[in-house]
PDB file of all heavy atoms in Angstrom:
ATOM      1  N   ARG A   1      59.668 -92.583 -79.764  1.00  0.00           N
ATOM      2  CA  ARG A   1      60.565 -92.326 -78.740  1.00  0.00           C
ATOM      3  C   ARG A   1      60.946 -90.911 -78.697  1.00  0.00           C
ATOM      4  O   ARG A   1      61.160 -90.235 -79.724  1.00  0.00           O
ATOM      5  CB  ARG A   1      61.933 -93.149 -78.789  1.00  0.00           C
ATOM      6  CG  ARG A   1      61.697 -94.625 -78.488  1.00  0.00           C
ATOM      7  CD  ARG A   1      61.418 -95.443 -79.701  1.00  0.00           C
ATOM      8  NE  ARG A   1      62.757 -95.389 -80.608  1.00  0.00           N
ATOM      9  CZ  ARG A   1      62.662 -95.691 -81.854  1.00  0.00           C
ATOM     10  NH1 ARG A   1      61.596 -95.907 -82.528  1.00  0.00           N
ATOM     11  NH2 ARG A   1      63.775 -95.613 -82.550  1.00  0.00           N
ATOM     12  N   LYS A   2      61.127 -90.383 -77.466  1.00  0.00           N
ATOM     13  CA  LYS A   2      61.351 -88.952 -77.324  1.00  0.00           C
ATOM     14  C   LYS A   2      62.918 -88.780 -77.364  1.00  0.00           C
ATOM     15  O   LYS A   2      63.684 -89.461 -76.778  1.00  0.00           O
ATOM     16  CB  LYS A   2      60.951 -88.461 -75.922  1.00  0.00           C
ATOM     17  CG  LYS A   2      61.142 -86.947 -75.646  1.00  0.00           C
ATOM     18  CD  LYS A   2      60.423 -86.476 -74.411  1.00  0.00           C
ATOM     19  CE  LYS A   2      60.526 -85.102 -74.121  1.00  0.00           C
ATOM     20  NZ  LYS A   2      60.068 -84.616 -72.799  1.00  0.00           N
ATOM     21  N   ALA A   3      63.328 -87.793 -78.243  1.00  0.00           N
ATOM     22  CA  ALA A   3      64.702 -87.468 -78.419  1.00  0.00           C
ATOM     23  C   ALA A   3      65.311 -86.956 -77.050  1.00  0.00           C
ATOM     24  O   ALA A   3      64.646 -86.266 -76.225  1.00  0.00           O
ATOM     25  CB  ALA A   3      64.986 -86.505 -79.443  1.00  0.00           C
ATOM     26  N   ARG A   4      66.527 -87.291 -76.879  1.00  0.00           N
ATOM     27  CA  ARG A   4      67.185 -86.882 -75.578  1.00  0.00           C
ATOM     28  C   ARG A   4      68.504 -86.079 -75.895  1.00  0.00           C
ATOM     29  O   ARG A   4      69.195 -86.403 -76.931  1.00  0.00           O
ATOM     30  CB  ARG A   4      67.585 -88.050 -74.703  1.00  0.00           C
ATOM     31  CG  ARG A   4      66.312 -88.962 -74.386  1.00  0.00           C
ATOM     32  CD  ARG A   4      66.606 -89.867 -73.272  1.00  0.00           C
ATOM     33  NE  ARG A   4      67.691 -90.844 -73.615  1.00  0.00           N
ATOM     34  CZ  ARG A   4      68.214 -91.754 -72.837  1.00  0.00           C
ATOM     35  NH1 ARG A   4      67.631 -91.932 -71.668  1.00  0.00           N
ATOM     36  NH2 ARG A   4      69.224 -92.568 -73.115  1.00  0.00           N
ATOM     37  N   ARG A   5      68.907 -85.111 -75.101  1.00  0.00           N
ATOM     38  CA  ARG A   5      70.062 -84.441 -75.349  1.00  0.00           C
ATOM     39  C   ARG A   5      71.257 -85.220 -74.845  1.00  0.00           C
ATOM     40  O   ARG A   5      71.322 -85.612 -73.741  1.00  0.00           O
ATOM     41  CB  ARG A   5      69.982 -82.996 -74.617  1.00  0.00           C
ATOM     42  CG  ARG A   5      71.198 -82.121 -74.924  1.00  0.00           C
ATOM     43  CD  ARG A   5      71.012 -80.698 -74.388  1.00  0.00           C
ATOM     44  NE  ARG A   5      69.909 -80.065 -75.050  1.00  0.00           N
ATOM     45  CZ  ARG A   5      69.882 -79.455 -76.269  1.00  0.00           C
ATOM     46  NH1 ARG A   5      71.149 -79.469 -76.920  1.00  0.00           N
ATOM     47  NH2 ARG A   5      68.921 -78.900 -76.843  1.00  0.00           N
ATOM     48  N   ILE A   6      72.238 -85.391 -75.677  1.00  0.00           N
ATOM     49  CA  ILE A   6      73.521 -86.033 -75.369  1.00  0.00           C
ATOM     50  C   ILE A   6      74.668 -85.130 -75.722  1.00  0.00           C
ATOM     51  O   ILE A   6      74.508 -84.042 -76.360  1.00  0.00           O
ATOM     52  CB  ILE A   6      73.601 -87.451 -76.029  1.00  0.00           C
ATOM     53  CG1 ILE A   6      73.753 -87.155 -77.514  1.00  0.00           C
ATOM     54  CG2 ILE A   6      72.504 -88.253 -75.694  1.00  0.00           C
ATOM     55  CD1 ILE A   6      74.290 -88.337 -78.340  1.00  0.00           C
ATOM     56  N   ARG A   7      75.872 -85.553 -75.316  1.00  0.00           N
ATOM     57  CA  ARG A   7      77.057 -84.774 -75.601  1.00  0.00           C
ATOM     58  C   ARG A   7      78.200 -85.652 -75.980  1.00  0.00           C
ATOM     59  O   ARG A   7      78.493 -86.692 -75.332  1.00  0.00           O
ATOM     60  CB  ARG A   7      77.498 -84.034 -74.332  1.00  0.00           C
ATOM     61  CG  ARG A   7      78.615 -83.000 -74.653  1.00  0.00           C
ATOM     62  CD  ARG A   7      79.088 -82.378 -73.341  1.00  0.00           C
ATOM     63  NE  ARG A   7      79.837 -83.379 -72.517  1.00  0.00           N
ATOM     64  CZ  ARG A   7      79.436 -83.956 -71.386  1.00  0.00           C
ATOM     65  NH1 ARG A   7      78.270 -83.838 -70.920  1.00  0.00           N
ATOM     66  NH2 ARG A   7      80.212 -84.872 -70.829  1.00  0.00           N
ATOM     67  N   ILE A   8      78.825 -85.389 -77.137  1.00  0.00           N
ATOM     68  CA  ILE A   8      79.932 -86.143 -77.664  1.00  0.00           C
ATOM     69  C   ILE A   8      81.138 -85.225 -77.473  1.00  0.00           C
ATOM     70  O   ILE A   8      81.258 -84.170 -78.092  1.00  0.00           O
ATOM     71  CB  ILE A   8      79.824 -86.543 -79.102  1.00  0.00           C
ATOM     72  CG1 ILE A   8      78.531 -87.309 -79.480  1.00  0.00           C
ATOM     73  CG2 ILE A   8      81.017 -87.404 -79.588  1.00  0.00           C
ATOM     74  CD1 ILE A   8      78.463 -88.629 -78.664  1.00  0.00           C
ATOM     75  N   ASP A   9      82.081 -85.673 -76.632  1.00  0.00           N
ATOM     76  CA  ASP A   9      83.238 -84.779 -76.329  1.00  0.00           C
ATOM     77  C   ASP A   9      84.379 -85.024 -77.280  1.00  0.00           C
ATOM     78  O   ASP A   9      85.148 -84.019 -77.618  1.00  0.00           O
ATOM     79  CB  ASP A   9      83.684 -85.149 -74.820  1.00  0.00           C
ATOM     80  CG  ASP A   9      82.684 -84.739 -73.834  1.00  0.00           C
ATOM     81  OD1 ASP A   9      82.073 -83.662 -73.994  1.00  0.00           O
ATOM     82  OD2 ASP A   9      82.506 -85.426 -72.800  1.00  0.00           O
ATOM     83  N   GLU A  10      84.515 -86.205 -77.816  1.00  0.00           N
ATOM     84  CA  GLU A  10      85.645 -86.551 -78.653  1.00  0.00           C
ATOM     85  C   GLU A  10      85.359 -87.767 -79.492  1.00  0.00           C
ATOM     86  O   GLU A  10      84.804 -88.760 -78.966  1.00  0.00           O
ATOM     87  CB  GLU A  10      86.840 -86.727 -77.808  1.00  0.00           C
ATOM     88  CG  GLU A  10      88.170 -87.020 -78.509  1.00  0.00           C
ATOM     89  CD  GLU A  10      89.382 -87.177 -77.544  1.00  0.00           C
ATOM     90  OE1 GLU A  10      89.132 -87.859 -76.586  1.00  0.00           O
ATOM     91  OE2 GLU A  10      90.451 -86.775 -77.903  1.00  0.00           O
ATOM     92  N   ILE A  11      85.729 -87.682 -80.728  1.00  0.00           N
ATOM     93  CA  ILE A  11      85.784 -88.929 -81.612  1.00  0.00           C
ATOM     94  C   ILE A  11      87.087 -88.960 -82.262  1.00  0.00           C
ATOM     95  O   ILE A  11      87.459 -88.047 -83.102  1.00  0.00           O
ATOM     96  CB  ILE A  11      84.647 -88.917 -82.660  1.00  0.00           C
ATOM     97  CG1 ILE A  11      83.309 -88.697 -82.008  1.00  0.00           C
ATOM     98  CG2 ILE A  11      84.726 -90.154 -83.495  1.00  0.00           C
ATOM     99  CD1 ILE A  11      82.136 -88.698 -82.964  1.00  0.00           C
ATOM    100  N   VAL A  12      87.916 -89.999 -81.942  1.00  0.00           N
ATOM    101  CA  VAL A  12      89.198 -90.201 -82.517  1.00  0.00           C
ATOM    102  C   VAL A  12      89.339 -91.307 -83.463  1.00  0.00           C
ATOM    103  O   VAL A  12      88.813 -92.450 -83.123  1.00  0.00           O
ATOM    104  CB  VAL A  12      90.239 -90.327 -81.438  1.00  0.00           C
ATOM    105  CG1 VAL A  12      91.642 -90.496 -82.026  1.00  0.00           C
ATOM    106  CG2 VAL A  12      90.303 -89.170 -80.396  1.00  0.00           C
ATOM    107  N   LEU A  13      89.683 -91.118 -84.674  1.00  0.00           N
ATOM    108  CA  LEU A  13      89.954 -92.126 -85.660  1.00  0.00           C
ATOM    109  C   LEU A  13      91.168 -92.900 -85.347  1.00  0.00           C
ATOM    110  O   LEU A  13      92.246 -92.379 -85.631  1.00  0.00           O
ATOM    111  CB  LEU A  13      89.910 -91.589 -87.148  1.00  0.00           C
ATOM    112  CG  LEU A  13      90.093 -92.609 -88.315  1.00  0.00           C
ATOM    113  CD1 LEU A  13      88.960 -93.557 -88.354  1.00  0.00           C
ATOM    114  CD2 LEU A  13      90.237 -91.778 -89.558  1.00  0.00           C
ATOM    115  N   GLU A  14      91.028 -94.073 -84.737  1.00  0.00           N
ATOM    116  CA  GLU A  14      92.221 -94.907 -84.375  1.00  0.00           C
ATOM    117  C   GLU A  14      92.763 -95.823 -85.536  1.00  0.00           C
ATOM    118  O   GLU A  14      93.861 -96.182 -85.466  1.00  0.00           O
ATOM    119  CB  GLU A  14      91.859 -95.724 -83.170  1.00  0.00           C
ATOM    120  CG  GLU A  14      91.496 -95.008 -81.914  1.00  0.00           C
ATOM    121  CD  GLU A  14      92.721 -94.383 -81.245  1.00  0.00           C
ATOM    122  OE1 GLU A  14      93.864 -94.678 -81.740  1.00  0.00           O
ATOM    123  OE2 GLU A  14      92.598 -93.649 -80.269  1.00  0.00           O
ATOM    124  N   GLY A  15      91.852 -96.144 -86.434  1.00  0.00           N
ATOM    125  CA  GLY A  15      92.300 -97.008 -87.555  1.00  0.00           C
ATOM    126  C   GLY A  15      91.110 -97.160 -88.585  1.00  0.00           C
ATOM    127  O   GLY A  15      90.081 -96.860 -88.354  1.00  0.00           O
ATOM    128  N   ARG A  16      91.516 -97.748 -89.687  1.00  0.00           N
ATOM    129  CA  ARG A  16      90.485 -97.993 -90.703  1.00  0.00           C
ATOM    130  C   ARG A  16      90.977 -99.060 -91.659  1.00  0.00           C
ATOM    131  O   ARG A  16      92.166 -99.367 -91.832  1.00  0.00           O
ATOM    132  CB  ARG A  16      90.271 -96.657 -91.545  1.00  0.00           C
ATOM    133  CG  ARG A  16      91.547 -96.161 -92.137  1.00  0.00           C
ATOM    134  CD  ARG A  16      91.252 -94.864 -92.966  1.00  0.00           C
ATOM    135  NE  ARG A  16      90.427 -95.162 -94.147  1.00  0.00           N
ATOM    136  CZ  ARG A  16      90.277 -94.310 -95.122  1.00  0.00           C
ATOM    137  NH1 ARG A  16      90.825 -93.099 -95.161  1.00  0.00           N
ATOM    138  NH2 ARG A  16      89.534 -94.666 -96.186  1.00  0.00           N
ATOM    139  N   SER A  17      89.944 -99.637 -92.385  1.00  0.00           N
ATOM    140  CA  SER A  17      90.197-100.582 -93.465  1.00  0.00           C
ATOM    141  C   SER A  17      89.294-100.105 -94.646  1.00  0.00           C
ATOM    142  O   SER A  17      88.616 -99.053 -94.478  1.00  0.00           O
ATOM    143  CB  SER A  17      89.928-101.941 -93.040  1.00  0.00           C
ATOM    144  OG  SER A  17      88.575-102.241 -92.872  1.00  0.00           O
ATOM    145  N   ALA A  18      89.057-100.975 -95.604  1.00  0.00           N
ATOM    146  CA  ALA A  18      88.243-100.587 -96.775  1.00  0.00           C
ATOM    147  C   ALA A  18      86.816-100.389 -96.316  1.00  0.00           C
ATOM    148  O   ALA A  18      86.098 -99.559 -96.880  1.00  0.00           O
ATOM    149  CB  ALA A  18      88.354-101.629 -97.820  1.00  0.00           C
ATOM    150  N   ASP A  19      86.370-101.131 -95.269  1.00  0.00           N
ATOM    151  CA  ASP A  19      84.929-101.085 -94.873  1.00  0.00           C
ATOM    152  C   ASP A  19      84.751-100.997 -93.390  1.00  0.00           C
ATOM    153  O   ASP A  19      83.689-101.304 -92.863  1.00  0.00           O
ATOM    154  CB  ASP A  19      84.202-102.271 -95.452  1.00  0.00           C
ATOM    155  CG  ASP A  19      84.683-103.624 -95.031  1.00  0.00           C
ATOM    156  OD1 ASP A  19      85.739-103.595 -94.295  1.00  0.00           O
ATOM    157  OD2 ASP A  19      84.079-104.604 -95.316  1.00  0.00           O
ATOM    158  N   THR A  20      85.787-100.687 -92.650  1.00  0.00           N
ATOM    159  CA  THR A  20      85.582-100.519 -91.160  1.00  0.00           C
ATOM    160  C   THR A  20      86.253 -99.309 -90.677  1.00  0.00           C
ATOM    161  O   THR A  20      87.256 -98.844 -91.286  1.00  0.00           O
ATOM    162  CB  THR A  20      86.080-101.718 -90.319  1.00  0.00           C
ATOM    163  OG1 THR A  20      87.538-101.820 -90.538  1.00  0.00           O
ATOM    164  CG2 THR A  20      85.453-102.998 -90.756  1.00  0.00           C
ATOM    165  N   LEU A  21      85.752 -98.750 -89.525  1.00  0.00           N
ATOM    166  CA  LEU A  21      86.394 -97.599 -88.823  1.00  0.00           C
ATOM    167  C   LEU A  21      86.552 -98.032 -87.354  1.00  0.00           C
ATOM    168  O   LEU A  21      85.594 -98.570 -86.801  1.00  0.00           O
ATOM    169  CB  LEU A  21      85.519 -96.351 -88.870  1.00  0.00           C
ATOM    170  CG  LEU A  21      85.173 -95.816 -90.233  1.00  0.00           C
ATOM    171  CD1 LEU A  21      84.273 -94.530 -90.134  1.00  0.00           C
ATOM    172  CD2 LEU A  21      86.398 -95.391 -91.034  1.00  0.00           C
ATOM    173  N   SER A  22      87.724 -97.768 -86.856  1.00  0.00           N
ATOM    174  CA  SER A  22      87.973 -98.004 -85.432  1.00  0.00           C
ATOM    175  C   SER A  22      88.085 -96.630 -84.769  1.00  0.00           C
ATOM    176  O   SER A  22      88.872 -95.804 -85.106  1.00  0.00           O
ATOM    177  CB  SER A  22      89.371 -98.712 -85.288  1.00  0.00           C
ATOM    178  OG  SER A  22      89.280-100.025 -85.829  1.00  0.00           O
ATOM    179  N   LEU A  23      87.049 -96.331 -83.799  1.00  0.00           N
ATOM    180  CA  LEU A  23      86.998 -95.156 -83.187  1.00  0.00           C
ATOM    181  C   LEU A  23      87.076 -95.178 -81.675  1.00  0.00           C
ATOM    182  O   LEU A  23      86.727 -96.287 -81.107  1.00  0.00           O
ATOM    183  CB  LEU A  23      85.600 -94.550 -83.576  1.00  0.00           C
ATOM    184  CG  LEU A  23      85.217 -94.492 -85.034  1.00  0.00           C
ATOM    185  CD1 LEU A  23      83.757 -93.964 -85.173  1.00  0.00           C
ATOM    186  CD2 LEU A  23      86.212 -93.541 -85.762  1.00  0.00           C
ATOM    187  N   GLU A  24      87.604 -94.127 -81.164  1.00  0.00           N
ATOM    188  CA  GLU A  24      87.609 -93.941 -79.641  1.00  0.00           C
ATOM    189  C   GLU A  24      86.633 -92.854 -79.366  1.00  0.00           C
ATOM    190  O   GLU A  24      86.774 -91.671 -79.936  1.00  0.00           O
ATOM    191  CB  GLU A  24      88.970 -93.685 -79.142  1.00  0.00           C
ATOM    192  CG  GLU A  24      89.152 -93.530 -77.637  1.00  0.00           C
ATOM    193  CD  GLU A  24      89.296 -94.857 -77.000  1.00  0.00           C
ATOM    194  OE1 GLU A  24      89.629 -95.792 -77.691  1.00  0.00           O
ATOM    195  OE2 GLU A  24      88.985 -94.952 -75.794  1.00  0.00           O
ATOM    196  N   ILE A  25      85.648 -93.109 -78.609  1.00  0.00           N
ATOM    197  CA  ILE A  25      84.608 -92.053 -78.409  1.00  0.00           C
ATOM    198  C   ILE A  25      84.372 -91.690 -76.877  1.00  0.00           C
ATOM    199  O   ILE A  25      84.137 -92.662 -76.038  1.00  0.00           O
ATOM    200  CB  ILE A  25      83.165 -92.516 -78.918  1.00  0.00           C
ATOM    201  CG1 ILE A  25      83.265 -92.867 -80.404  1.00  0.00           C
ATOM    202  CG2 ILE A  25      82.050 -91.579 -78.699  1.00  0.00           C
ATOM    203  CD1 ILE A  25      82.145 -93.536 -81.090  1.00  0.00           C
ATOM    204  N   ALA A  26      84.441 -90.484 -76.580  1.00  0.00           N
ATOM    205  CA  ALA A  26      84.138 -89.957 -75.172  1.00  0.00           C
ATOM    206  C   ALA A  26      82.794 -89.220 -75.251  1.00  0.00           C
ATOM    207  O   ALA A  26      82.641 -88.372 -76.081  1.00  0.00           O
ATOM    208  CB  ALA A  26      85.316 -89.012 -74.770  1.00  0.00           C
ATOM    209  N   CYS A  27      81.883 -89.617 -74.320  1.00  0.00           N
ATOM    210  CA  CYS A  27      80.534 -89.079 -74.415  1.00  0.00           C
ATOM    211  C   CYS A  27      79.893 -88.999 -73.091  1.00  0.00           C
ATOM    212  O   CYS A  27      80.407 -89.511 -72.044  1.00  0.00           O
ATOM    213  CB  CYS A  27      79.683 -89.944 -75.356  1.00  0.00           C
ATOM    214  SG  CYS A  27      79.579 -91.704 -74.838  1.00  0.00           S
ATOM    215  N   SER A  28      78.683 -88.402 -73.098  1.00  0.00           N
ATOM    216  CA  SER A  28      77.901 -88.217 -71.904  1.00  0.00           C
ATOM    217  C   SER A  28      77.194 -89.510 -71.622  1.00  0.00           C
ATOM    218  O   SER A  28      77.049 -90.334 -72.488  1.00  0.00           O
ATOM    219  CB  SER A  28      76.971 -87.045 -72.052  1.00  0.00           C
ATOM    220  OG  SER A  28      75.984 -87.296 -73.043  1.00  0.00           O
ATOM    221  N   LYS A  29      76.664 -89.571 -70.413  1.00  0.00           N
ATOM    222  CA  LYS A  29      75.783 -90.709 -70.109  1.00  0.00           C
ATOM    223  C   LYS A  29      74.554 -90.727 -71.009  1.00  0.00           C
ATOM    224  O   LYS A  29      74.121 -89.683 -71.440  1.00  0.00           O
ATOM    225  CB  LYS A  29      75.326 -90.744 -68.665  1.00  0.00           C
ATOM    226  CG  LYS A  29      74.492 -89.546 -68.239  1.00  0.00           C
ATOM    227  CD  LYS A  29      73.107 -89.883 -67.902  1.00  0.00           C
ATOM    228  CE  LYS A  29      72.297 -88.686 -67.477  1.00  0.00           C
ATOM    229  NZ  LYS A  29      70.866 -89.042 -67.204  1.00  0.00           N
ATOM    230  N   GLY A  30      73.932 -91.901 -71.268  1.00  0.00           N
ATOM    231  CA  GLY A  30      72.706 -91.938 -72.079  1.00  0.00           C
ATOM    232  C   GLY A  30      72.986 -91.921 -73.599  1.00  0.00           C
ATOM    233  O   GLY A  30      72.065 -91.950 -74.324  1.00  0.00           O
ATOM    234  N   THR A  31      74.207 -91.920 -73.977  1.00  0.00           N
ATOM    235  CA  THR A  31      74.553 -91.908 -75.435  1.00  0.00           C
ATOM    236  C   THR A  31      74.542 -93.318 -75.985  1.00  0.00           C
ATOM    237  O   THR A  31      75.071 -94.265 -75.343  1.00  0.00           O
ATOM    238  CB  THR A  31      75.961 -91.293 -75.641  1.00  0.00           C
ATOM    239  OG1 THR A  31      76.015 -89.966 -75.203  1.00  0.00           O
ATOM    240  CG2 THR A  31      76.338 -91.308 -77.139  1.00  0.00           C
ATOM    241  N   TYR A  32      73.819 -93.493 -77.053  1.00  0.00           N
ATOM    242  CA  TYR A  32      73.683 -94.811 -77.767  1.00  0.00           C
ATOM    243  C   TYR A  32      74.701 -94.855 -78.896  1.00  0.00           C
ATOM    244  O   TYR A  32      74.490 -94.161 -79.919  1.00  0.00           O
ATOM    245  CB  TYR A  32      72.299 -95.147 -78.198  1.00  0.00           C
ATOM    246  CG  TYR A  32      71.319 -95.440 -77.049  1.00  0.00           C
ATOM    247  CD1 TYR A  32      70.598 -94.657 -76.399  1.00  0.00           C
ATOM    248  CD2 TYR A  32      71.351 -96.829 -76.600  1.00  0.00           C
ATOM    249  CE1 TYR A  32      69.793 -94.922 -75.405  1.00  0.00           C
ATOM    250  CE2 TYR A  32      70.430 -97.146 -75.585  1.00  0.00           C
ATOM    251  CZ  TYR A  32      69.752 -96.153 -74.916  1.00  0.00           C
ATOM    252  OH  TYR A  32      68.948 -96.581 -73.916  1.00  0.00           O
ATOM    253  N   ILE A  33      75.798 -95.631 -78.724  1.00  0.00           N
ATOM    254  CA  ILE A  33      76.818 -95.650 -79.665  1.00  0.00           C
ATOM    255  C   ILE A  33      76.354 -96.298 -80.907  1.00  0.00           C
ATOM    256  O   ILE A  33      76.719 -95.940 -82.094  1.00  0.00           O
ATOM    257  CB  ILE A  33      78.048 -96.455 -79.168  1.00  0.00           C
ATOM    258  CG1 ILE A  33      78.553 -95.827 -77.863  1.00  0.00           C
ATOM    259  CG2 ILE A  33      79.234 -96.497 -80.185  1.00  0.00           C
ATOM    260  CD1 ILE A  33      79.103 -94.400 -77.991  1.00  0.00           C
ATOM    261  N   ARG A  34      75.367 -97.275 -80.802  1.00  0.00           N
ATOM    262  CA  ARG A  34      74.795 -97.932 -82.119  1.00  0.00           C
ATOM    263  C   ARG A  34      74.189 -96.816 -82.962  1.00  0.00           C
ATOM    264  O   ARG A  34      74.266 -96.807 -84.149  1.00  0.00           O
ATOM    265  CB  ARG A  34      73.834 -98.933 -81.658  1.00  0.00           C
ATOM    266  CG  ARG A  34      74.463-100.226 -81.176  1.00  0.00           C
ATOM    267  CD  ARG A  34      73.475-101.166 -80.642  1.00  0.00           C
ATOM    268  NE  ARG A  34      72.829-100.827 -79.500  1.00  0.00           N
ATOM    269  CZ  ARG A  34      71.554-100.955 -79.165  1.00  0.00           C
ATOM    270  NH1 ARG A  34      70.656-101.388 -80.042  1.00  0.00           N
ATOM    271  NH2 ARG A  34      71.023-100.599 -77.914  1.00  0.00           N
ATOM    272  N   THR A  35      73.405 -95.884 -82.312  1.00  0.00           N
ATOM    273  CA  THR A  35      72.698 -94.832 -83.032  1.00  0.00           C
ATOM    274  C   THR A  35      73.705 -93.884 -83.675  1.00  0.00           C
ATOM    275  O   THR A  35      73.533 -93.420 -84.809  1.00  0.00           O
ATOM    276  CB  THR A  35      71.723 -94.175 -82.128  1.00  0.00           C
ATOM    277  OG1 THR A  35      70.780 -95.046 -81.555  1.00  0.00           O
ATOM    278  CG2 THR A  35      71.020 -92.954 -82.923  1.00  0.00           C
ATOM    279  N   LEU A  36      74.762 -93.616 -82.905  1.00  0.00           N
ATOM    280  CA  LEU A  36      75.831 -92.646 -83.375  1.00  0.00           C
ATOM    281  C   LEU A  36      76.474 -93.322 -84.630  1.00  0.00           C
ATOM    282  O   LEU A  36      76.764 -92.626 -85.587  1.00  0.00           O
ATOM    283  CB  LEU A  36      76.817 -92.372 -82.263  1.00  0.00           C
ATOM    284  CG  LEU A  36      78.099 -91.503 -82.708  1.00  0.00           C
ATOM    285  CD1 LEU A  36      77.517 -90.147 -83.023  1.00  0.00           C
ATOM    286  CD2 LEU A  36      78.907 -91.371 -81.511  1.00  0.00           C
ATOM    287  N   ALA A  37      76.834 -94.676 -84.529  1.00  0.00           N
ATOM    288  CA  ALA A  37      77.386 -95.290 -85.642  1.00  0.00           C
ATOM    289  C   ALA A  37      76.534 -95.228 -86.886  1.00  0.00           C
ATOM    290  O   ALA A  37      77.016 -95.109 -88.067  1.00  0.00           O
ATOM    291  CB  ALA A  37      77.805 -96.767 -85.253  1.00  0.00           C
ATOM    292  N   GLU A  38      75.279 -95.516 -86.667  1.00  0.00           N
ATOM    293  CA  GLU A  38      74.376 -95.339 -87.842  1.00  0.00           C
ATOM    294  C   GLU A  38      74.385 -93.938 -88.559  1.00  0.00           C
ATOM    295  O   GLU A  38      74.314 -93.829 -89.768  1.00  0.00           O
ATOM    296  CB  GLU A  38      72.909 -95.735 -87.399  1.00  0.00           C
ATOM    297  CG  GLU A  38      72.743 -97.202 -87.005  1.00  0.00           C
ATOM    298  CD  GLU A  38      71.267 -97.516 -86.551  1.00  0.00           C
ATOM    299  OE1 GLU A  38      70.702 -96.625 -85.876  1.00  0.00           O
ATOM    300  OE2 GLU A  38      70.792 -98.617 -86.792  1.00  0.00           O
ATOM    301  N   ASP A  39      74.319 -92.989 -87.595  1.00  0.00           N
ATOM    302  CA  ASP A  39      74.317 -91.627 -88.094  1.00  0.00           C
ATOM    303  C   ASP A  39      75.568 -91.287 -88.875  1.00  0.00           C
ATOM    304  O   ASP A  39      75.565 -90.617 -89.916  1.00  0.00           O
ATOM    305  CB  ASP A  39      74.161 -90.665 -86.970  1.00  0.00           C
ATOM    306  CG  ASP A  39      72.757 -90.684 -86.356  1.00  0.00           C
ATOM    307  OD1 ASP A  39      71.771 -91.208 -87.040  1.00  0.00           O
ATOM    308  OD2 ASP A  39      72.482 -90.248 -85.207  1.00  0.00           O
ATOM    309  N   ILE A  40      76.730 -91.770 -88.366  1.00  0.00           N
ATOM    310  CA  ILE A  40      78.033 -91.526 -89.018  1.00  0.00           C
ATOM    311  C   ILE A  40      77.956 -92.236 -90.396  1.00  0.00           C
ATOM    312  O   ILE A  40      78.432 -91.593 -91.388  1.00  0.00           O
ATOM    313  CB  ILE A  40      79.175 -92.000 -88.173  1.00  0.00           C
ATOM    314  CG1 ILE A  40      79.392 -91.150 -86.988  1.00  0.00           C
ATOM    315  CG2 ILE A  40      80.449 -92.128 -88.958  1.00  0.00           C
ATOM    316  CD1 ILE A  40      80.337 -91.719 -85.874  1.00  0.00           C
ATOM    317  N   GLY A  41      77.504 -93.467 -90.446  1.00  0.00           N
ATOM    318  CA  GLY A  41      77.426 -94.215 -91.746  1.00  0.00           C
ATOM    319  C   GLY A  41      76.638 -93.524 -92.688  1.00  0.00           C
ATOM    320  O   GLY A  41      76.916 -93.424 -93.940  1.00  0.00           O
ATOM    321  N   ARG A  42      75.420 -92.948 -92.313  1.00  0.00           N
ATOM    322  CA  ARG A  42      74.645 -92.199 -93.224  1.00  0.00           C
ATOM    323  C   ARG A  42      75.238 -90.940 -93.689  1.00  0.00           C
ATOM    324  O   ARG A  42      75.087 -90.525 -94.900  1.00  0.00           O
ATOM    325  CB  ARG A  42      73.296 -91.900 -92.529  1.00  0.00           C
ATOM    326  CG  ARG A  42      72.402 -93.179 -92.377  1.00  0.00           C
ATOM    327  CD  ARG A  42      71.235 -93.005 -91.384  1.00  0.00           C
ATOM    328  NE  ARG A  42      70.580 -94.221 -91.146  1.00  0.00           N
ATOM    329  CZ  ARG A  42      69.775 -94.440 -90.145  1.00  0.00           C
ATOM    330  NH1 ARG A  42      69.450 -93.432 -89.326  1.00  0.00           N
ATOM    331  NH2 ARG A  42      69.246 -95.677 -89.987  1.00  0.00           N
ATOM    332  N   ALA A  43      76.014 -90.291 -92.877  1.00  0.00           N
ATOM    333  CA  ALA A  43      76.764 -89.049 -93.243  1.00  0.00           C
ATOM    334  C   ALA A  43      77.816 -89.411 -94.232  1.00  0.00           C
ATOM    335  O   ALA A  43      78.166 -88.476 -95.130  1.00  0.00           O
ATOM    336  CB  ALA A  43      77.254 -88.414 -92.001  1.00  0.00           C
ATOM    337  N   LEU A  44      78.353 -90.576 -94.228  1.00  0.00           N
ATOM    338  CA  LEU A  44      79.382 -90.903 -95.192  1.00  0.00           C
ATOM    339  C   LEU A  44      78.716 -91.464 -96.404  1.00  0.00           C
ATOM    340  O   LEU A  44      79.498 -91.819 -97.394  1.00  0.00           O
ATOM    341  CB  LEU A  44      80.280 -92.058 -94.525  1.00  0.00           C
ATOM    342  CG  LEU A  44      81.135 -91.582 -93.452  1.00  0.00           C
ATOM    343  CD1 LEU A  44      81.801 -92.849 -92.679  1.00  0.00           C
ATOM    344  CD2 LEU A  44      82.256 -90.598 -93.857  1.00  0.00           C
TER     345      LEU A  44
END
């Protein structure tokens, strides 16, 4: 698949537990939140 340019305007940490994160995300059209969540998990 060809990579596409996206834009994340804001990620707010609204809450957390030992193994979950509750986030508020503002983004451009075409953003896949599932992919973003995977990337965040790998960064952690």
